[in-house]
C-alpha atoms as a PDB file:
ATOM      1  CA  MET A   1     -49.642 -48.210  -8.127  1.00  0.00           C
ATOM      2  CA  LEU A   2     -50.480 -46.375 -11.335  1.00  0.00           C
ATOM      3  CA  VAL A   3     -47.986 -43.547 -11.693  1.00  0.00           C
ATOM      4  CA  TRP A   4     -45.237 -42.265  -9.440  1.00  0.00           C
ATOM      5  CA  TYR A   5     -44.198 -38.630  -9.298  1.00  0.00           C
ATOM      6  CA  ALA A   6     -41.587 -36.532  -7.559  1.00  0.00           C
ATOM      7  CA  ALA A   7     -40.741 -32.849  -7.283  1.00  0.00           C
ATOM      8  CA  PHE A   8     -37.211 -31.524  -7.585  1.00  0.00           C
ATOM      9  CA  ALA A   9     -35.606 -28.076  -7.508  1.00  0.00           C
ATOM     10  CA  ASP A  10     -36.079 -27.445 -11.226  1.00  0.00           C
ATOM     11  CA  HIS A  11     -38.528 -30.075 -12.494  1.00  0.00           C
ATOM     12  CA  VAL A  12     -41.334 -32.488 -11.718  1.00  0.00           C
ATOM     13  CA  SER A  13     -40.822 -36.114 -12.733  1.00  0.00           C
ATOM     14  CA  VAL A  14     -43.616 -38.471 -13.677  1.00  0.00           C
ATOM     15  CA  PHE A  15     -42.873 -42.205 -13.709  1.00  0.00           C
ATOM     16  CA  PRO A  16     -45.580 -44.071 -15.668  1.00  0.00           C
ATOM     17  CA  GLY A  17     -43.238 -46.817 -16.873  1.00  0.00           C
ATOM     18  CA  GLY A  18     -41.401 -47.375 -20.106  1.00  0.00           C
ATOM     19  CA  SER A  19     -44.092 -49.396 -21.829  1.00  0.00           C
ATOM     20  CA  VAL A  20     -46.472 -46.448 -21.680  1.00  0.00           C
ATOM     21  CA  LEU A  21     -43.954 -43.769 -22.637  1.00  0.00           C
ATOM     22  CA  LYS A  22     -43.009 -45.557 -25.869  1.00  0.00           C
ATOM     23  CA  ALA A  23     -46.379 -44.554 -27.332  1.00  0.00           C
ATOM     24  CA  PHE A  24     -45.733 -40.860 -26.615  1.00  0.00           C
ATOM     25  CA  THR A  25     -42.225 -40.513 -28.062  1.00  0.00           C
ATOM     26  CA  THR A  26     -43.133 -37.744 -30.513  1.00  0.00           C
ATOM     27  CA  GLU A  27     -45.178 -35.791 -27.958  1.00  0.00           C
ATOM     28  CA  LEU A  28     -42.343 -35.880 -25.434  1.00  0.00           C
ATOM     29  CA  THR A  29     -39.549 -34.505 -27.633  1.00  0.00           C
ATOM     30  CA  ALA A  30     -39.674 -31.153 -25.805  1.00  0.00           C
ATOM     31  CA  PHE A  31     -39.055 -32.832 -22.448  1.00  0.00           C
ATOM     32  CA  LYS A  32     -36.190 -34.729 -20.891  1.00  0.00           C
ATOM     33  CA  THR A  33     -37.034 -38.429 -20.740  1.00  0.00           C
ATOM     34  CA  SER A  34     -35.425 -41.690 -19.745  1.00  0.00           C
ATOM     35  CA  LYS A  35     -36.536 -45.305 -19.930  1.00  0.00           C
ATOM     36  CA  GLY A  36     -39.659 -44.827 -17.802  1.00  0.00           C
ATOM     37  CA  THR A  37     -39.564 -41.182 -16.724  1.00  0.00           C
ATOM     38  CA  VAL A  38     -40.465 -37.805 -18.130  1.00  0.00           C
ATOM     39  CA  GLN A  39     -39.330 -34.522 -16.577  1.00  0.00           C
ATOM     40  CA  PHE A  40     -41.415 -31.378 -16.791  1.00  0.00           C
ATOM     41  CA  PRO A  41     -39.509 -28.153 -16.049  1.00  0.00           C
ATOM     42  CA  LEU A  42     -40.937 -25.901 -13.363  1.00  0.00           C
ATOM     43  CA  SER A  43     -40.241 -22.900 -15.575  1.00  0.00           C
ATOM     44  CA  GLU A  44     -43.178 -23.897 -17.808  1.00  0.00           C
ATOM     45  CA  PRO A  45     -46.830 -24.715 -17.066  1.00  0.00           C
ATOM     46  CA  LEU A  46     -47.430 -28.385 -16.337  1.00  0.00           C
ATOM     47  CA  PRO A  47     -48.948 -30.040 -19.468  1.00  0.00           C
ATOM     48  CA  VAL A  48     -51.958 -31.493 -17.682  1.00  0.00           C
ATOM     49  CA  GLY A  49     -53.606 -32.731 -20.882  1.00  0.00           C
ATOM     50  CA  LEU A  50     -50.499 -34.666 -21.902  1.00  0.00           C
ATOM     51  CA  ILE A  51     -50.180 -36.171 -18.435  1.00  0.00           C
ATOM     52  CA  LYS A  52     -53.825 -37.303 -18.587  1.00  0.00           C
ATOM     53  CA  ARG A  53     -53.188 -38.915 -21.990  1.00  0.00           C
ATOM     54  CA  ILE A  54     -50.168 -40.733 -20.529  1.00  0.00           C
ATOM     55  CA  VAL A  55     -52.051 -41.940 -17.445  1.00  0.00           C
ATOM     56  CA  LYS A  56     -55.026 -43.397 -19.366  1.00  0.00           C
ATOM     57  CA  PRO A  57     -53.040 -46.190 -21.079  1.00  0.00           C
ATOM     58  CA  ARG A  58     -51.269 -46.858 -17.787  1.00  0.00           C
ATOM     59  CA  ILE A  59     -54.678 -47.430 -16.155  1.00  0.00           C
ATOM     60  CA  ALA A  60     -55.569 -49.852 -18.955  1.00  0.00           C
ATOM     61  CA  GLU A  61     -52.233 -51.634 -18.541  1.00  0.00           C
ATOM     62  CA  VAL A  62     -52.715 -52.096 -14.785  1.00  0.00           C
ATOM     63  CA  ASP A  63     -56.338 -53.126 -15.279  1.00  0.00           C
ATOM     64  CA  GLY A  64     -55.262 -55.760 -17.802  1.00  0.00           C
ATOM     65  CA  LYS A  65     -52.699 -57.179 -15.381  1.00  0.00           C
ATOM     66  CA  GLU A  66     -55.308 -57.338 -12.611  1.00  0.00           C
ATOM     67  CA  ARG A  67     -57.755 -59.185 -14.855  1.00  0.00           C
ATOM     68  CA  ALA A  68     -55.044 -61.679 -15.845  1.00  0.00           C
ATOM     69  CA  ARG A  69     -54.674 -62.732 -12.208  1.00  0.00           C
END
């Protein structure tokens, strides 16, 4: 599994994992975050470019784990 997501009444959550989100701390200041989650409010357009930038290192992380096996 690369990234989990869920929709709620007032936001969409993306769960890429804490190790990935650490690299995006400054870019995520406008959003509510927790250890491994970022919430995007439904009242604003979804930042697709930012989500793509978050997913790319997650792909590399998963790929690295698979190669280590």
